[in-house]
Amino acid sequence: MESNKILIDDDAAFELENEEELFEHYRFKVDPGQEIIRIDKYLLDRLPNTSRNKIQVAAKNGNVHVNGKKEKQNYKVKPGDEVAMVLPYPIREFELIPQNIPIEILYEDNELLIVNKAANMVVHPGYGNYSGTLVNALVYHINNLPNPPNDYYGRPGLVHRIDKHTTGILVIAKTEMALTHLAKQFYDRTTERKCIALVWGDLKEDGFVEGNIGRSLKNRKVMSVFPDSDYGKFAKTHYKVIERFGLVTLLECKLETGRTHQIRVHLKYIGHPLFNDLEYGGNKILRGTISVPYRKFVENCFSLLSGQALHAKSLGFIQPSTTKKLFFESDLPVPFANLVSNWRYYCTDK
């Protein structure tokens, strides 16, 4: 099959290079000697890799602020103005083959769709992962719609992602307007996101973890928490106990921010790594006895999942055109549900 050239979001092969939320925030202080010009021209001069149309779409969606107030593309900047703008990440070109890969679509309209991602699937292509990704499947799906959106701009638009082994809900934009609008919602933290996690240890109370997250200084492939440092970026995770099994605990986690591996890093930081998390030490027996039957039980539990026990359960946001609130939920995938059942039975049997 001959490949198509598709524009996709920034390099994702090495997923840690970017945030899980795929947008950028720009901020400028207008120089004292700046002539009075339209803000779209001002921004275009300072963002050479961004088109004027993209800036105008951002302004239309309320993503351009001057001195803390939303402004349209025809606003005239003046010396001393503080200009801020949120844009989806810049894109790179890859040769991408649309692939007929089964995916579960929970909802779809002309501007966006909601996917319930399966385990062991990379979200989008990059070096080392050119095919078999969710984006490959989405390009095929959108290209084969009987009535594709008129303003579809040639690529599925991502404003957030989840790890390869994490299952659950993702929103995908079909148009540039929807992508820009959704990016602003994620930046403003007005979306509602909850995940289900199984962690090692007995968490007695609900709570939260707060601390900057940045790339580990010892291992560049993982992230760490830096609580008393300017290094990294602010992150906050709320957690609520759903069910205790003594040796492990089932949690509902609410994301206040969306940093890379946020839930995994924060819970490890407080001594409760996610069950079967290879990168963060949860793939070892961290609680319980050293008896052979228990070891076999845990190893059987490990075998149920391809990676960490984490599921993106729900997502709520505003539909860009209708401004109606949309909310979606997905059940635990069968392997994860079986894992929980195994621990419930094991603890009851004791």
Protein backbone atom coordinates (compact mmCIF):
# COMPACT_ATOMS: atom_id res chain seq x y z
CA MET A 1 0.00 0.00 0.00
CA GLU A 2 1.31 3.42 -0.88
CA SER A 3 1.68 5.71 2.11
CA ASN A 4 0.14 9.15 2.50
CA LYS A 5 1.96 12.14 3.91
CA ILE A 6 0.07 13.17 7.01
CA LEU A 7 0.81 15.96 9.44
CA ILE A 8 0.83 14.64 12.97
CA ASP A 9 1.71 15.99 16.39
CA ASP A 10 5.23 16.29 17.72
CA ASP A 11 7.53 13.25 17.94
CA ALA A 12 6.02 10.67 20.24
CA ALA A 13 8.40 7.75 19.92
CA PHE A 14 10.20 8.95 22.99
CA GLU A 15 7.01 9.98 24.77
CA LEU A 16 8.71 11.73 27.66
CA GLU A 17 9.84 14.59 25.46
CA ASN A 18 6.48 16.31 25.86
CA GLU A 19 3.64 16.71 28.33
CA GLU A 20 0.68 14.39 28.26
CA GLU A 21 -1.24 17.56 27.40
CA LEU A 22 -0.15 18.54 23.92
CA PHE A 23 -0.25 22.33 23.87
CA GLU A 24 2.16 25.22 24.33
CA HIS A 25 1.84 28.50 26.21
CA TYR A 26 3.54 31.61 24.83
CA ARG A 27 3.98 34.88 26.71
CA PHE A 28 5.42 38.19 25.45
CA LYS A 29 5.94 41.66 26.96
CA VAL A 30 5.57 44.30 24.22
CA ASP A 31 8.72 46.45 23.93
CA PRO A 32 8.52 50.19 24.80
CA GLY A 33 9.44 51.13 21.22
CA GLN A 34 6.94 48.78 19.53
CA GLU A 35 4.76 50.43 16.85
CA ILE A 36 1.01 49.91 17.18
CA ILE A 37 0.06 46.92 15.00
CA ARG A 38 -2.58 44.18 14.91
CA ILE A 39 -1.95 41.42 17.39
CA ASP A 40 -2.06 38.66 14.76
CA LYS A 41 0.79 40.35 12.87
CA TYR A 42 2.69 40.93 16.12
CA LEU A 43 2.44 37.22 17.02
CA LEU A 44 3.23 36.09 13.48
CA ASP A 45 6.51 38.00 13.60
CA ARG A 46 7.47 36.22 16.82
CA LEU A 47 6.27 32.72 15.93
CA PRO A 48 7.80 32.06 12.49
CA ASN A 49 6.59 28.45 12.37
CA THR A 50 2.97 29.42 13.04
CA SER A 51 0.54 30.52 10.31
CA ARG A 52 -1.56 33.67 10.52
CA ASN A 53 -4.67 31.52 10.16
CA LYS A 54 -3.68 29.44 13.19
CA ILE A 55 -3.21 32.62 15.24
CA GLN A 56 -6.58 33.95 14.11
CA VAL A 57 -8.29 30.65 14.99
CA ALA A 58 -6.66 30.83 18.42
CA ALA A 59 -7.96 34.37 18.93
CA LYS A 60 -11.46 33.39 17.80
CA ASN A 61 -11.49 30.62 20.42
CA GLY A 62 -10.39 32.91 23.24
CA ASN A 63 -6.82 31.61 23.36
CA VAL A 64 -5.19 35.05 22.95
CA HIS A 65 -5.08 37.29 26.02
CA VAL A 66 -3.72 40.81 26.49
CA ASN A 67 -3.20 42.03 30.04
CA GLY A 68 -5.32 39.14 31.28
CA LYS A 69 -8.29 39.77 28.95
CA LYS A 70 -9.39 37.89 25.82
CA GLU A 71 -8.79 39.84 22.62
CA LYS A 72 -9.63 39.28 18.94
CA GLN A 73 -7.14 39.15 16.08
CA ASN A 74 -7.70 42.82 15.18
CA TYR A 75 -6.61 44.13 18.60
CA LYS A 76 -3.78 46.68 18.28
CA VAL A 77 -0.87 45.93 20.59
CA LYS A 78 0.70 48.82 22.48
CA PRO A 79 4.02 49.18 24.32
CA GLY A 80 3.86 47.54 27.74
CA ASP A 81 1.09 45.07 26.82
CA GLU A 82 1.47 41.52 28.17
CA VAL A 83 0.42 39.06 25.47
CA ALA A 84 -0.32 35.38 26.18
CA MET A 85 -1.45 32.65 23.78
CA VAL A 86 -2.16 28.90 23.95
CA LEU A 87 -1.63 26.77 20.82
CA PRO A 88 -1.60 23.03 20.11
CA TYR A 89 1.92 21.66 19.75
CA PRO A 90 3.68 22.26 16.42
CA ILE A 91 3.55 19.33 14.03
CA ARG A 92 6.07 17.23 12.15
CA GLU A 93 5.71 15.31 8.95
CA PHE A 94 5.88 11.53 8.85
CA GLU A 95 5.02 9.08 6.12
CA LEU A 96 2.00 7.47 7.70
CA ILE A 97 -0.04 4.57 6.36
CA PRO A 98 -3.73 4.69 7.31
CA GLN A 99 -4.40 1.30 8.89
CA ASN A 100 -7.65 -0.54 9.40
CA ILE A 101 -7.03 -1.27 13.08
CA PRO A 102 -10.08 -1.95 15.28
CA ILE A 103 -10.73 0.87 17.73
CA GLU A 104 -13.66 1.54 20.05
CA ILE A 105 -15.32 4.88 19.32
CA LEU A 106 -17.74 5.95 22.06
CA TYR A 107 -18.94 9.16 20.39
CA GLU A 108 -18.41 11.09 17.18
CA ASP A 109 -19.58 14.33 15.61
CA ASN A 110 -18.24 16.54 12.82
CA GLU A 111 -15.62 18.16 15.07
CA LEU A 112 -14.36 15.48 17.44
CA LEU A 113 -14.56 11.90 18.52
CA ILE A 114 -14.07 9.95 21.76
CA VAL A 115 -11.96 6.80 21.75
CA ASN A 116 -11.73 4.11 24.42
CA LYS A 117 -8.08 3.13 23.89
CA ALA A 118 -7.02 -0.47 24.32
CA ALA A 119 -3.93 -1.59 26.22
CA ASN A 120 -0.59 -2.04 24.48
CA MET A 121 -1.32 0.63 21.84
CA VAL A 122 0.90 3.69 21.32
CA VAL A 123 -1.17 6.82 20.78
CA HIS A 124 0.72 8.36 17.86
CA PRO A 125 3.72 7.61 15.63
CA GLY A 126 7.32 8.59 16.05
CA TYR A 127 10.74 7.10 15.74
CA GLY A 128 10.45 3.37 16.37
CA ASN A 129 6.63 3.42 16.20
CA TYR A 130 5.67 4.31 12.64
CA SER A 131 2.66 2.00 12.43
CA GLY A 132 0.09 0.23 14.54
CA THR A 133 -0.72 3.36 16.53
CA LEU A 134 -4.04 4.92 17.44
CA VAL A 135 -3.39 7.75 14.98
CA ASN A 136 -2.84 5.24 12.14
CA ALA A 137 -6.25 3.80 12.94
CA LEU A 138 -7.89 7.23 13.23
CA VAL A 139 -6.53 8.44 9.88
CA TYR A 140 -8.03 5.35 8.23
CA HIS A 141 -11.34 5.85 10.04
CA ILE A 142 -11.71 9.55 9.17
CA ASN A 143 -10.59 9.04 5.55
CA ASN A 144 -13.34 6.44 5.14
CA LEU A 145 -16.21 8.38 6.65
CA PRO A 146 -19.14 8.71 4.22
CA ASN A 147 -19.36 12.44 5.02
CA PRO A 148 -16.00 13.66 6.34
CA PRO A 149 -15.98 17.17 7.85
CA ASN A 150 -15.45 19.91 5.27
CA ASP A 151 -12.79 21.61 7.38
CA TYR A 152 -10.92 18.44 8.35
CA TYR A 153 -7.29 19.47 8.08
CA GLY A 154 -5.66 16.15 7.30
CA ARG A 155 -4.73 14.76 10.69
CA PRO A 156 -6.36 13.66 13.94
CA GLY A 157 -5.80 16.45 16.45
CA LEU A 158 -4.43 15.41 19.85
CA VAL A 159 -4.43 17.68 22.88
CA HIS A 160 -3.63 14.95 25.41
CA ARG A 161 -2.50 11.33 25.44
CA ILE A 162 -2.16 8.31 27.70
CA ASP A 163 0.67 5.82 27.96
CA LYS A 164 0.96 2.72 25.80
CA HIS A 165 -0.23 0.35 28.53
CA THR A 166 -2.87 2.69 30.00
CA THR A 167 -6.41 2.09 28.78
CA GLY A 168 -9.33 4.46 28.54
CA ILE A 169 -10.80 7.66 27.17
CA LEU A 170 -9.18 10.16 24.81
CA VAL A 171 -10.75 13.07 22.91
CA ILE A 172 -9.59 13.60 19.31
CA ALA A 173 -10.23 16.78 17.31
CA LYS A 174 -11.05 16.65 13.61
CA THR A 175 -10.81 20.38 12.87
CA GLU A 176 -8.30 23.08 13.75
CA MET A 177 -10.99 25.10 15.49
CA ALA A 178 -11.93 22.16 17.73
CA LEU A 179 -8.27 21.39 18.45
CA THR A 180 -7.52 24.96 19.50
CA HIS A 181 -10.67 25.19 21.64
CA LEU A 182 -9.93 21.90 23.41
CA ALA A 183 -6.30 22.90 24.01
CA LYS A 184 -7.52 26.01 25.83
CA GLN A 185 -9.83 23.92 28.04
CA PHE A 186 -6.98 21.62 29.02
CA TYR A 187 -4.72 24.60 29.68
CA ASP A 188 -7.37 26.33 31.82
CA ARG A 189 -7.91 23.03 33.72
CA THR A 190 -11.65 23.14 33.09
CA THR A 191 -11.82 19.55 31.84
CA GLU A 192 -12.84 16.77 34.24
CA ARG A 193 -10.59 13.70 34.18
CA LYS A 194 -10.65 10.69 36.47
CA CYS A 195 -8.62 7.50 36.36
CA ILE A 196 -8.78 4.18 38.19
CA ALA A 197 -5.52 2.80 39.61
CA LEU A 198 -4.55 -0.24 41.63
CA VAL A 199 -1.58 0.57 43.87
CA TRP A 200 0.65 -1.34 46.24
CA GLY A 201 -0.04 -0.84 49.95
CA ASP A 202 -2.96 0.02 52.20
CA LEU A 203 -4.01 3.66 51.78
CA LYS A 204 -6.21 4.52 54.75
CA GLU A 205 -7.57 7.92 53.70
CA ASP A 206 -8.36 10.04 50.67
CA GLY A 207 -5.86 12.75 49.88
CA PHE A 208 -3.75 14.46 47.28
CA VAL A 209 -0.14 14.63 46.10
CA GLU A 210 1.40 17.94 45.12
CA GLY A 211 4.90 18.44 43.79
CA ASN A 212 6.74 19.51 40.67
CA ILE A 213 7.34 16.75 38.13
CA GLY A 214 10.43 16.74 35.90
CA ARG A 215 12.72 14.32 34.16
CA SER A 216 14.73 12.24 36.62
CA LEU A 217 18.31 13.40 37.09
CA LYS A 218 19.42 9.76 37.40
CA ASN A 219 17.39 8.12 34.63
CA ARG A 220 16.25 10.32 31.75
CA LYS A 221 13.59 7.81 30.68
CA VAL A 222 11.44 8.32 33.78
CA MET A 223 10.09 11.26 35.74
CA SER A 224 10.57 12.27 39.38
CA VAL A 225 8.93 14.55 41.92
CA PHE A 226 10.84 17.66 43.02
CA PRO A 227 8.78 19.03 45.95
CA ASP A 228 11.08 21.82 47.08
CA SER A 229 12.58 22.91 43.80
CA ASP A 230 11.85 25.13 40.82
CA TYR A 231 12.88 22.23 38.58
CA GLY A 232 10.04 20.55 36.70
CA LYS A 233 6.44 21.72 36.40
CA PHE A 234 3.70 22.05 38.98
CA ALA A 235 1.51 18.95 39.31
CA LYS A 236 -1.34 17.93 41.60
CA THR A 237 -3.21 14.63 41.84
CA HIS A 238 -6.22 13.94 44.07
CA TYR A 239 -6.99 10.35 45.05
CA LYS A 240 -10.01 8.67 46.61
CA VAL A 241 -10.08 5.17 48.06
CA ILE A 242 -12.59 2.94 46.27
CA GLU A 243 -11.73 -0.40 47.89
CA ARG A 244 -9.02 -1.70 50.21
CA PHE A 245 -7.55 -5.18 49.92
CA GLY A 246 -4.92 -4.81 52.64
CA LEU A 247 -1.91 -5.39 50.42
CA VAL A 248 -3.16 -3.28 47.51
CA THR A 249 -5.72 -0.44 47.21
CA LEU A 250 -8.07 0.52 44.39
CA LEU A 251 -8.11 4.29 43.86
CA GLU A 252 -9.96 6.90 41.85
CA CYS A 253 -7.50 9.61 40.82
CA LYS A 254 -8.54 13.07 39.70
CA LEU A 255 -6.03 15.02 37.65
CA GLU A 256 -5.69 18.71 38.38
CA THR A 257 -2.78 18.93 35.92
CA GLY A 258 -1.58 16.63 33.15
CA ARG A 259 2.15 16.00 33.39
CA THR A 260 3.94 13.04 31.87
CA HIS A 261 3.28 9.88 33.93
CA GLN A 262 1.72 12.10 36.60
CA ILE A 263 -0.36 9.52 38.50
CA ARG A 264 2.39 6.92 38.30
CA VAL A 265 5.08 9.31 39.54
CA HIS A 266 3.03 10.90 42.31
CA LEU A 267 1.84 7.62 43.79
CA LYS A 268 5.33 6.15 43.74
CA TYR A 269 6.53 9.31 45.51
CA ILE A 270 4.19 8.64 48.47
CA GLY A 271 5.27 4.98 48.63
CA HIS A 272 2.43 3.37 46.66
CA PRO A 273 3.60 2.49 43.11
CA LEU A 274 1.00 1.31 40.62
CA PHE A 275 0.62 -2.45 40.47
CA ASN A 276 2.73 -3.97 37.65
CA ASP A 277 4.38 -0.64 36.74
CA LEU A 278 7.68 -1.63 35.15
CA GLU A 279 9.20 1.87 35.00
CA TYR A 280 8.32 2.84 38.56
CA GLY A 281 8.98 -0.36 40.48
CA GLY A 282 5.46 -1.75 40.78
CA ASN A 283 6.27 -4.96 38.90
CA LYS A 284 7.81 -6.51 42.02
CA ILE A 285 6.16 -7.93 45.12
CA LEU A 286 6.20 -4.93 47.45
CA ARG A 287 3.75 -6.08 50.13
CA GLY A 288 2.85 -9.41 51.70
CA THR A 289 4.64 -12.62 52.63
CA ILE A 290 7.42 -14.49 50.84
CA SER A 291 5.45 -17.74 50.69
CA VAL A 292 5.39 -19.69 47.44
CA PRO A 293 1.56 -19.67 47.10
CA TYR A 294 1.44 -15.88 47.54
CA ARG A 295 4.27 -15.35 45.08
CA LYS A 296 2.47 -17.49 42.50
CA PHE A 297 -0.76 -15.58 43.10
CA VAL A 298 0.91 -12.20 42.51
CA GLU A 299 2.78 -13.45 39.44
CA ASN A 300 -0.53 -14.63 38.02
CA CYS A 301 -1.97 -11.18 38.70
CA PHE A 302 1.00 -9.56 36.92
CA SER A 303 0.34 -11.74 33.87
CA LEU A 304 -3.17 -10.32 33.44
CA LEU A 305 -1.90 -6.89 32.35
CA SER A 306 0.68 -5.75 29.80
CA GLY A 307 1.73 -2.87 32.07
CA GLN A 308 0.62 -0.64 34.93
CA ALA A 309 -2.88 -1.01 36.40
CA LEU A 310 -4.22 2.34 35.24
CA HIS A 311 -7.42 3.16 33.35
CA ALA A 312 -8.59 6.60 32.15
CA LYS A 313 -12.18 6.18 33.31
CA SER A 314 -13.90 9.47 32.47
CA LEU A 315 -13.56 12.78 30.65
CA GLY A 316 -15.77 15.84 30.66
CA PHE A 317 -15.39 19.00 28.56
CA ILE A 318 -17.31 21.61 26.55
CA GLN A 319 -18.16 20.85 22.92
CA PRO A 320 -16.41 23.61 20.93
CA SER A 321 -19.34 24.65 18.70
CA THR A 322 -22.46 23.87 20.71
CA THR A 323 -20.84 24.84 24.06
CA LYS A 324 -22.74 21.94 25.63
CA LYS A 325 -21.09 19.93 28.40
CA LEU A 326 -20.11 16.44 27.25
CA PHE A 327 -19.17 13.66 29.67
CA PHE A 328 -17.99 10.14 28.90
CA GLU A 329 -17.17 7.08 30.99
CA SER A 330 -15.74 3.66 30.23
CA ASP A 331 -15.77 0.47 32.28
CA LEU A 332 -12.62 -1.22 33.44
CA PRO A 333 -11.29 -3.49 30.68
CA VAL A 334 -11.80 -7.20 31.39
CA PRO A 335 -8.17 -7.95 32.38
CA PHE A 336 -8.16 -5.08 34.89
CA ALA A 337 -11.57 -6.09 36.24
CA ASN A 338 -10.31 -9.67 36.64
CA LEU A 339 -7.26 -8.38 38.49
CA VAL A 340 -9.48 -6.55 40.98
CA SER A 341 -11.67 -9.65 41.39
CA ASN A 342 -8.61 -11.80 42.08
CA TRP A 343 -7.43 -9.51 44.87
CA ARG A 344 -10.94 -9.26 46.32
CA TYR A 345 -11.25 -13.05 46.41
CA TYR A 346 -7.74 -13.48 47.81
CA CYS A 347 -8.37 -11.08 50.69
CA THR A 348 -11.83 -12.49 51.44
CA ASP A 349 -10.46 -16.03 51.43
CA LYS A 350 -7.90 -15.02 54.06
